[in-house]
Amino acid sequence: MMSAPSDAETKVPGDPHASDPVGIVVDPCPVHPKPSDKAGWSMWNLHMLTRDFGQHCRYAAENRSIAGKPVRVVFMGDSITDNWINEDPSMFTNGLVDRGISGQTTAQMLVRFRDDVIALKPQAVHIMAMTNDIAGNTGAATMETVLGHVQSMAELARVHGIKVIIASVPPAAAFPWSPDMKPAAQIAQINRWLADYARANRFTFVDYHSAMAQPDGAMKPGLSSDGVHPTKAGYAIMRPLALAAIASALKGK
């Protein structure tokens, strides 16, 4: 017996935005400022995960504003990409577009890949992900599943004639928001796989990890504010590597 719509609908007890639109609608993106208090942020985050898992709404207006304009490269990623434009705004000019969203896992990026990458018709996409998968931000997943999300994004790009740049996971020895995790060994394993995958598929690989890591896998001093998120100095190391990867990927295009 099928549940009534009201029973099947995902709702969060105490959600202040429970009256937001659900189902297939013209405008699914009401504006809710992100709260600064911890309890408010937790509820906002839970609402987002249940109502807009991929966070399609984050860049919906910006995507409409650049529809039909030439885009060279879309940077798809998590907070490390999201923060890049704040620390180095001049990087995202001349057709380079930042589509990072803080906290996202590869599952969430794959969900929004059509809206935030394919629909913009870029020449190339720069995919930097997996920090939050390792941290478990959206729960547990196998290595095969997580790597499969990266493969799916890359394959979707290739089908649409978009050059693919695969970025290494940047170094980290600990996550401030998930202190029990010791990610360095898993990051190294993933980066070996990403490099091999890029080589086998003739994608461009950009290795931020080697340029920014200590021998133990931690971020070098001064390059990060918390051991994970780059400072201006960290992005200053990443920028020329990214630009060289873009030049390589777009060579002859």
C-alpha atoms as a PDB file:
ATOM      1  CA  MET A   1       0.000   0.000   0.000  1.00  0.00           C
ATOM      2  CA  MET A   2       1.449   3.366  -1.045  1.00  0.00           C
ATOM      3  CA  SER A   3       1.880   6.085   1.546  1.00  0.00           C
ATOM      4  CA  ALA A   4      -0.145   9.231   1.215  1.00  0.00           C
ATOM      5  CA  PRO A   5       1.936  12.142  -0.138  1.00  0.00           C
ATOM      6  CA  SER A   6       1.988  13.838   3.251  1.00  0.00           C
ATOM      7  CA  ASP A   7       3.453  10.688   4.832  1.00  0.00           C
ATOM      8  CA  ALA A   8       6.041  10.118   2.094  1.00  0.00           C
ATOM      9  CA  GLU A   9       7.314  13.693   2.044  1.00  0.00           C
ATOM     10  CA  THR A  10      10.642  14.248   3.789  1.00  0.00           C
ATOM     11  CA  LYS A  11      10.222  16.643   6.702  1.00  0.00           C
ATOM     12  CA  VAL A  12      12.481  17.523   9.588  1.00  0.00           C
ATOM     13  CA  PRO A  13      10.858  18.096  12.996  1.00  0.00           C
ATOM     14  CA  GLY A  14      11.313  21.712  14.033  1.00  0.00           C
ATOM     15  CA  ASP A  15      12.358  22.833  10.535  1.00  0.00           C
ATOM     16  CA  PRO A  16      11.546  26.570  10.296  1.00  0.00           C
ATOM     17  CA  HIS A  17      11.366  26.225   6.503  1.00  0.00           C
ATOM     18  CA  ALA A  18       9.033  23.225   6.367  1.00  0.00           C
ATOM     19  CA  SER A  19       6.615  25.235   4.203  1.00  0.00           C
ATOM     20  CA  ASP A  20       9.155  25.524   1.355  1.00  0.00           C
ATOM     21  CA  PRO A  21       8.032  24.170  -2.028  1.00  0.00           C
ATOM     22  CA  VAL A  22       8.299  20.455  -2.657  1.00  0.00           C
ATOM     23  CA  GLY A  23       7.761  18.427  -5.813  1.00  0.00           C
ATOM     24  CA  ILE A  24       8.365  19.642  -9.361  1.00  0.00           C
ATOM     25  CA  VAL A  25       7.858  23.407  -9.392  1.00  0.00           C
ATOM     26  CA  VAL A  26       8.925  26.441 -11.411  1.00  0.00           C
ATOM     27  CA  ASP A  27      11.007  28.025  -8.631  1.00  0.00           C
ATOM     28  CA  PRO A  28      12.282  25.594  -5.984  1.00  0.00           C
ATOM     29  CA  CYS A  29      14.779  28.056  -4.481  1.00  0.00           C
ATOM     30  CA  PRO A  30      13.425  30.270  -1.693  1.00  0.00           C
ATOM     31  CA  VAL A  31      16.165  32.316  -0.088  1.00  0.00           C
ATOM     32  CA  HIS A  32      17.169  31.450   3.473  1.00  0.00           C
ATOM     33  CA  PRO A  33      20.218  33.243   4.898  1.00  0.00           C
ATOM     34  CA  LYS A  34      22.671  30.824   6.467  1.00  0.00           C
ATOM     35  CA  PRO A  35      22.454  31.238  10.281  1.00  0.00           C
ATOM     36  CA  SER A  36      25.614  32.094  12.193  1.00  0.00           C
ATOM     37  CA  ASP A  37      24.661  30.320  15.432  1.00  0.00           C
ATOM     38  CA  LYS A  38      25.511  26.628  15.763  1.00  0.00           C
ATOM     39  CA  ALA A  39      21.965  25.378  16.396  1.00  0.00           C
ATOM     40  CA  GLY A  40      20.553  27.449  13.556  1.00  0.00           C
ATOM     41  CA  TRP A  41      23.275  26.313  11.194  1.00  0.00           C
ATOM     42  CA  SER A  42      22.654  22.654  12.094  1.00  0.00           C
ATOM     43  CA  MET A  43      18.965  23.003  11.258  1.00  0.00           C
ATOM     44  CA  TRP A  44      19.753  24.898   8.035  1.00  0.00           C
ATOM     45  CA  ASN A  45      22.195  22.156   7.037  1.00  0.00           C
ATOM     46  CA  LEU A  46      19.699  19.378   7.808  1.00  0.00           C
ATOM     47  CA  HIS A  47      17.011  21.201   5.821  1.00  0.00           C
ATOM     48  CA  MET A  48      19.414  21.522   2.896  1.00  0.00           C
ATOM     49  CA  LEU A  49      20.395  17.846   2.964  1.00  0.00           C
ATOM     50  CA  THR A  50      16.778  16.707   2.920  1.00  0.00           C
ATOM     51  CA  ARG A  51      15.354  19.284   0.479  1.00  0.00           C
ATOM     52  CA  ASP A  52      18.270  20.230  -1.820  1.00  0.00           C
ATOM     53  CA  PHE A  53      20.866  17.522  -1.374  1.00  0.00           C
ATOM     54  CA  GLY A  54      22.995  18.648  -4.304  1.00  0.00           C
ATOM     55  CA  GLN A  55      22.445  22.350  -3.501  1.00  0.00           C
ATOM     56  CA  HIS A  56      21.195  23.184  -6.981  1.00  0.00           C
ATOM     57  CA  CYS A  57      19.915  26.455  -5.563  1.00  0.00           C
ATOM     58  CA  ARG A  58      23.349  27.751  -4.525  1.00  0.00           C
ATOM     59  CA  TYR A  59      24.394  28.842  -8.022  1.00  0.00           C
ATOM     60  CA  ALA A  60      21.034  28.863  -9.829  1.00  0.00           C
ATOM     61  CA  ALA A  61      20.838  32.656 -10.194  1.00  0.00           C
ATOM     62  CA  GLU A  62      24.512  32.996 -11.150  1.00  0.00           C
ATOM     63  CA  ASN A  63      24.164  30.258 -13.751  1.00  0.00           C
ATOM     64  CA  ARG A  64      21.221  32.087 -15.316  1.00  0.00           C
ATOM     65  CA  SER A  65      23.206  35.317 -15.382  1.00  0.00           C
ATOM     66  CA  ILE A  66      26.019  33.808 -17.478  1.00  0.00           C
ATOM     67  CA  ALA A  67      23.847  31.661 -19.745  1.00  0.00           C
ATOM     68  CA  GLY A  68      25.147  31.929 -23.299  1.00  0.00           C
ATOM     69  CA  LYS A  69      28.391  33.644 -22.276  1.00  0.00           C
ATOM     70  CA  PRO A  70      31.716  31.926 -23.026  1.00  0.00           C
ATOM     71  CA  VAL A  71      33.069  29.832 -20.156  1.00  0.00           C
ATOM     72  CA  ARG A  72      36.583  28.420 -20.377  1.00  0.00           C
ATOM     73  CA  VAL A  73      36.786  26.365 -17.179  1.00  0.00           C
ATOM     74  CA  VAL A  74      34.385  25.478 -14.382  1.00  0.00           C
ATOM     75  CA  PHE A  75      36.014  24.602 -11.056  1.00  0.00           C
ATOM     76  CA  MET A  76      33.833  21.931  -9.419  1.00  0.00           C
ATOM     77  CA  GLY A  77      34.611  21.161  -5.803  1.00  0.00           C
ATOM     78  CA  ASP A  78      34.054  21.624  -2.092  1.00  0.00           C
ATOM     79  CA  SER A  79      35.154  24.346   0.358  1.00  0.00           C
ATOM     80  CA  ILE A  80      38.724  24.354  -0.942  1.00  0.00           C
ATOM     81  CA  THR A  81      37.317  25.431  -4.316  1.00  0.00           C
ATOM     82  CA  ASP A  82      34.565  27.546  -2.734  1.00  0.00           C
ATOM     83  CA  ASN A  83      37.101  29.569  -0.717  1.00  0.00           C
ATOM     84  CA  TRP A  84      39.506  30.023  -3.631  1.00  0.00           C
ATOM     85  CA  ILE A  85      37.552  32.914  -5.151  1.00  0.00           C
ATOM     86  CA  ASN A  86      37.571  34.739  -1.793  1.00  0.00           C
ATOM     87  CA  GLU A  87      41.320  34.379  -1.265  1.00  0.00           C
ATOM     88  CA  ASP A  88      42.325  34.921  -4.911  1.00  0.00           C
ATOM     89  CA  PRO A  89      39.459  36.630  -6.785  1.00  0.00           C
ATOM     90  CA  SER A  90      41.573  37.561  -9.796  1.00  0.00           C
ATOM     91  CA  MET A  91      41.942  33.842 -10.527  1.00  0.00           C
ATOM     92  CA  PHE A  92      38.309  33.657 -11.577  1.00  0.00           C
ATOM     93  CA  THR A  93      38.326  35.995 -14.546  1.00  0.00           C
ATOM     94  CA  ASN A  94      38.631  35.454 -18.296  1.00  0.00           C
ATOM     95  CA  GLY A  95      36.088  32.665 -18.361  1.00  0.00           C
ATOM     96  CA  LEU A  96      37.173  30.790 -15.214  1.00  0.00           C
ATOM     97  CA  VAL A  97      34.117  30.072 -13.038  1.00  0.00           C
ATOM     98  CA  ASP A  98      34.094  28.880  -9.395  1.00  0.00           C
ATOM     99  CA  ARG A  99      31.396  26.333  -8.533  1.00  0.00           C
ATOM    100  CA  GLY A 100      32.699  25.024  -5.213  1.00  0.00           C
ATOM    101  CA  ILE A 101      30.318  24.401  -2.321  1.00  0.00           C
ATOM    102  CA  SER A 102      31.613  24.064   1.217  1.00  0.00           C
ATOM    103  CA  GLY A 103      31.084  20.686   2.852  1.00  0.00           C
ATOM    104  CA  GLN A 104      30.081  18.803  -0.274  1.00  0.00           C
ATOM    105  CA  THR A 105      30.916  15.197  -1.049  1.00  0.00           C
ATOM    106  CA  THR A 106      31.290  13.684  -4.508  1.00  0.00           C
ATOM    107  CA  ALA A 107      27.703  12.389  -4.368  1.00  0.00           C
ATOM    108  CA  GLN A 108      26.425  15.956  -4.032  1.00  0.00           C
ATOM    109  CA  MET A 109      28.710  17.237  -6.780  1.00  0.00           C
ATOM    110  CA  LEU A 110      27.494  14.547  -9.157  1.00  0.00           C
ATOM    111  CA  VAL A 111      23.868  15.524  -8.459  1.00  0.00           C
ATOM    112  CA  ARG A 112      24.502  19.144  -9.508  1.00  0.00           C
ATOM    113  CA  PHE A 113      27.034  18.454 -12.261  1.00  0.00           C
ATOM    114  CA  ARG A 114      24.537  19.049 -15.088  1.00  0.00           C
ATOM    115  CA  ASP A 115      23.389  22.419 -13.731  1.00  0.00           C
ATOM    116  CA  ASP A 116      26.754  23.753 -12.590  1.00  0.00           C
ATOM    117  CA  VAL A 117      29.011  22.350 -15.320  1.00  0.00           C
ATOM    118  CA  ILE A 118      27.368  20.839 -18.402  1.00  0.00           C
ATOM    119  CA  ALA A 119      24.747  23.577 -18.794  1.00  0.00           C
ATOM    120  CA  LEU A 120      27.463  26.266 -18.779  1.00  0.00           C
ATOM    121  CA  LYS A 121      29.152  24.613 -21.802  1.00  0.00           C
ATOM    122  CA  PRO A 122      32.713  25.170 -20.616  1.00  0.00           C
ATOM    123  CA  GLN A 123      35.778  24.136 -22.559  1.00  0.00           C
ATOM    124  CA  ALA A 124      37.076  22.281 -19.490  1.00  0.00           C
ATOM    125  CA  VAL A 125      36.153  21.272 -15.957  1.00  0.00           C
ATOM    126  CA  HIS A 126      38.534  21.156 -12.991  1.00  0.00           C
ATOM    127  CA  ILE A 127      37.333  18.498 -10.525  1.00  0.00           C
ATOM    128  CA  MET A 128      38.793  18.630  -7.005  1.00  0.00           C
ATOM    129  CA  ALA A 129      36.909  16.521  -4.490  1.00  0.00           C
ATOM    130  CA  MET A 130      36.870  13.721  -1.899  1.00  0.00           C
ATOM    131  CA  THR A 131      38.082  15.556   1.227  1.00  0.00           C
ATOM    132  CA  ASN A 132      34.536  15.468   2.621  1.00  0.00           C
ATOM    133  CA  ASP A 133      33.942  11.885   1.489  1.00  0.00           C
ATOM    134  CA  ILE A 134      36.924  10.848   3.605  1.00  0.00           C
ATOM    135  CA  ALA A 135      35.521  12.912   6.478  1.00  0.00           C
ATOM    136  CA  GLY A 136      32.120  11.211   6.095  1.00  0.00           C
ATOM    137  CA  ASN A 137      30.071  14.389   5.682  1.00  0.00           C
ATOM    138  CA  THR A 138      27.145  12.554   4.053  1.00  0.00           C
ATOM    139  CA  GLY A 139      27.694   9.193   5.723  1.00  0.00           C
ATOM    140  CA  ALA A 140      29.657   6.087   4.867  1.00  0.00           C
ATOM    141  CA  ALA A 141      30.548   4.906   1.362  1.00  0.00           C
ATOM    142  CA  THR A 142      32.944   2.424  -0.167  1.00  0.00           C
ATOM    143  CA  MET A 143      36.063   3.584  -1.948  1.00  0.00           C
ATOM    144  CA  GLU A 144      34.608   2.174  -5.182  1.00  0.00           C
ATOM    145  CA  THR A 145      31.452   4.244  -4.799  1.00  0.00           C
ATOM    146  CA  VAL A 146      33.296   7.486  -4.118  1.00  0.00           C
ATOM    147  CA  LEU A 147      35.789   7.006  -6.939  1.00  0.00           C
ATOM    148  CA  GLY A 148      32.847   6.056  -9.153  1.00  0.00           C
ATOM    149  CA  HIS A 149      31.321   9.488  -8.561  1.00  0.00           C
ATOM    150  CA  VAL A 150      34.514  11.088  -9.875  1.00  0.00           C
ATOM    151  CA  GLN A 151      34.477   8.734 -12.866  1.00  0.00           C
ATOM    152  CA  SER A 152      30.849   9.617 -13.586  1.00  0.00           C
ATOM    153  CA  MET A 153      31.563  13.348 -13.542  1.00  0.00           C
ATOM    154  CA  ALA A 154      34.564  12.899 -15.820  1.00  0.00           C
ATOM    155  CA  GLU A 155      32.664  10.655 -18.223  1.00  0.00           C
ATOM    156  CA  LEU A 156      29.708  13.055 -18.382  1.00  0.00           C
ATOM    157  CA  ALA A 157      32.109  15.876 -19.210  1.00  0.00           C
ATOM    158  CA  ARG A 158      33.813  13.867 -21.941  1.00  0.00           C
ATOM    159  CA  VAL A 159      30.479  12.935 -23.560  1.00  0.00           C
ATOM    160  CA  HIS A 160      29.665  16.652 -23.756  1.00  0.00           C
ATOM    161  CA  GLY A 161      33.007  17.598 -25.281  1.00  0.00           C
ATOM    162  CA  ILE A 162      34.361  19.133 -22.085  1.00  0.00           C
ATOM    163  CA  LYS A 163      38.049  18.593 -21.347  1.00  0.00           C
ATOM    164  CA  VAL A 164      38.702  17.051 -17.936  1.00  0.00           C
ATOM    165  CA  ILE A 165      41.225  18.186 -15.341  1.00  0.00           C
ATOM    166  CA  ILE A 166      41.457  15.859 -12.328  1.00  0.00           C
ATOM    167  CA  ALA A 167      42.996  17.453  -9.231  1.00  0.00           C
ATOM    168  CA  SER A 168      44.651  15.620  -6.394  1.00  0.00           C
ATOM    169  CA  VAL A 169      43.129  15.754  -2.945  1.00  0.00           C
ATOM    170  CA  PRO A 170      45.120  18.422  -1.073  1.00  0.00           C
ATOM    171  CA  PRO A 171      47.095  17.300   1.981  1.00  0.00           C
ATOM    172  CA  ALA A 172      45.592  16.952   5.451  1.00  0.00           C
ATOM    173  CA  ALA A 173      46.655  15.048   8.548  1.00  0.00           C
ATOM    174  CA  ALA A 174      43.430  15.783  10.472  1.00  0.00           C
ATOM    175  CA  PHE A 175      39.998  17.343   9.982  1.00  0.00           C
ATOM    176  CA  PRO A 176      38.955  19.954  12.591  1.00  0.00           C
ATOM    177  CA  TRP A 177      35.266  19.062  12.104  1.00  0.00           C
ATOM    178  CA  SER A 178      35.931  15.310  12.283  1.00  0.00           C
ATOM    179  CA  PRO A 179      38.818  14.982  14.740  1.00  0.00           C
ATOM    180  CA  ASP A 180      38.822  11.176  14.983  1.00  0.00           C
ATOM    181  CA  MET A 181      39.768  10.834  11.314  1.00  0.00           C
ATOM    182  CA  LYS A 182      43.415  10.343  10.320  1.00  0.00           C
ATOM    183  CA  PRO A 183      43.150  10.956   6.580  1.00  0.00           C
ATOM    184  CA  ALA A 184      46.744  11.180   5.314  1.00  0.00           C
ATOM    185  CA  ALA A 185      47.131   7.535   4.227  1.00  0.00           C
ATOM    186  CA  GLN A 186      43.714   7.438   2.530  1.00  0.00           C
ATOM    187  CA  ILE A 187      44.434  10.712   0.725  1.00  0.00           C
ATOM    188  CA  ALA A 188      47.694   9.252  -0.610  1.00  0.00           C
ATOM    189  CA  GLN A 189      45.868   6.121  -1.807  1.00  0.00           C
ATOM    190  CA  ILE A 190      43.188   8.167  -3.548  1.00  0.00           C
ATOM    191  CA  ASN A 191      45.736  10.430  -5.221  1.00  0.00           C
ATOM    192  CA  ARG A 192      47.586   7.466  -6.700  1.00  0.00           C
ATOM    193  CA  TRP A 193      44.290   6.209  -8.122  1.00  0.00           C
ATOM    194  CA  LEU A 194      43.347   9.646  -9.491  1.00  0.00           C
ATOM    195  CA  ALA A 195      46.714  10.039 -11.217  1.00  0.00           C
ATOM    196  CA  ASP A 196      46.455   6.573 -12.777  1.00  0.00           C
ATOM    197  CA  TYR A 197      42.834   7.174 -13.822  1.00  0.00           C
ATOM    198  CA  ALA A 198      43.696  10.509 -15.454  1.00  0.00           C
ATOM    199  CA  ARG A 199      46.646   8.976 -17.291  1.00  0.00           C
ATOM    200  CA  ALA A 200      44.643   6.001 -18.545  1.00  0.00           C
ATOM    201  CA  ASN A 201      41.889   8.260 -19.877  1.00  0.00           C
ATOM    202  CA  ARG A 202      44.136  11.018 -21.238  1.00  0.00           C
ATOM    203  CA  PHE A 203      42.759  13.540 -18.804  1.00  0.00           C
ATOM    204  CA  THR A 204      44.973  16.238 -17.308  1.00  0.00           C
ATOM    205  CA  PHE A 205      46.109  15.595 -13.720  1.00  0.00           C
ATOM    206  CA  VAL A 206      47.164  18.446 -11.435  1.00  0.00           C
ATOM    207  CA  ASP A 207      49.082  17.488  -8.298  1.00  0.00           C
ATOM    208  CA  TYR A 208      48.545  20.035  -5.549  1.00  0.00           C
ATOM    209  CA  HIS A 209      49.341  17.471  -2.884  1.00  0.00           C
ATOM    210  CA  SER A 210      53.026  17.039  -3.734  1.00  0.00           C
ATOM    211  CA  ALA A 211      53.554  20.801  -3.792  1.00  0.00           C
ATOM    212  CA  MET A 212      51.886  21.417  -0.431  1.00  0.00           C
ATOM    213  CA  ALA A 213      52.473  18.328   1.725  1.00  0.00           C
ATOM    214  CA  GLN A 214      55.012  17.479   4.389  1.00  0.00           C
ATOM    215  CA  PRO A 215      56.483  13.943   4.405  1.00  0.00           C
ATOM    216  CA  ASP A 216      53.810  12.840   6.912  1.00  0.00           C
ATOM    217  CA  GLY A 217      50.998  13.986   4.612  1.00  0.00           C
ATOM    218  CA  ALA A 218      50.117  17.101   6.587  1.00  0.00           C
ATOM    219  CA  MET A 219      49.866  20.530   4.988  1.00  0.00           C
ATOM    220  CA  LYS A 220      53.089  22.532   5.135  1.00  0.00           C
ATOM    221  CA  PRO A 221      53.115  25.289   7.778  1.00  0.00           C
ATOM    222  CA  GLY A 222      51.649  28.580   6.629  1.00  0.00           C
ATOM    223  CA  LEU A 223      49.740  27.137   3.688  1.00  0.00           C
ATOM    224  CA  SER A 224      46.518  26.453   5.584  1.00  0.00           C
ATOM    225  CA  SER A 225      44.380  28.095   8.242  1.00  0.00           C
ATOM    226  CA  ASP A 226      43.401  24.789   9.874  1.00  0.00           C
ATOM    227  CA  GLY A 227      45.460  22.041   8.234  1.00  0.00           C
ATOM    228  CA  VAL A 228      42.884  21.606   5.453  1.00  0.00           C
ATOM    229  CA  HIS A 229      41.803  24.933   3.950  1.00  0.00           C
ATOM    230  CA  PRO A 230      44.487  26.892   2.093  1.00  0.00           C
ATOM    231  CA  THR A 231      45.488  30.414   3.011  1.00  0.00           C
ATOM    232  CA  LYS A 232      46.433  33.024   0.410  1.00  0.00           C
ATOM    233  CA  ALA A 233      49.909  31.485   0.504  1.00  0.00           C
ATOM    234  CA  GLY A 234      48.446  28.060  -0.206  1.00  0.00           C
ATOM    235  CA  TYR A 235      46.391  29.291  -3.137  1.00  0.00           C
ATOM    236  CA  ALA A 236      49.468  31.130  -4.435  1.00  0.00           C
ATOM    237  CA  ILE A 237      51.093  27.695  -4.826  1.00  0.00           C
ATOM    238  CA  MET A 238      47.977  26.183  -6.372  1.00  0.00           C
ATOM    239  CA  ARG A 239      47.307  28.947  -8.888  1.00  0.00           C
ATOM    240  CA  PRO A 240      50.232  28.401 -11.300  1.00  0.00           C
ATOM    241  CA  LEU A 241      49.696  24.630 -11.155  1.00  0.00           C
ATOM    242  CA  ALA A 242      46.025  25.117 -12.050  1.00  0.00           C
ATOM    243  CA  LEU A 243      46.808  27.517 -14.884  1.00  0.00           C
ATOM    244  CA  ALA A 244      49.436  25.157 -16.305  1.00  0.00           C
ATOM    245  CA  ALA A 245      46.916  22.284 -16.166  1.00  0.00           C
ATOM    246  CA  ILE A 246      44.318  24.425 -17.952  1.00  0.00           C
ATOM    247  CA  ALA A 247      46.794  25.380 -20.664  1.00  0.00           C
ATOM    248  CA  SER A 248      47.684  21.698 -21.137  1.00  0.00           C
ATOM    249  CA  ALA A 249      44.056  20.565 -21.234  1.00  0.00           C
ATOM    250  CA  LEU A 250      42.975  23.244 -23.705  1.00  0.00           C
ATOM    251  CA  LYS A 251      45.997  22.944 -25.961  1.00  0.00           C
ATOM    252  CA  GLY A 252      44.794  22.884 -29.532  1.00  0.00           C
ATOM    253  CA  LYS A 253      41.141  23.376 -28.604  1.00  0.00           C
END
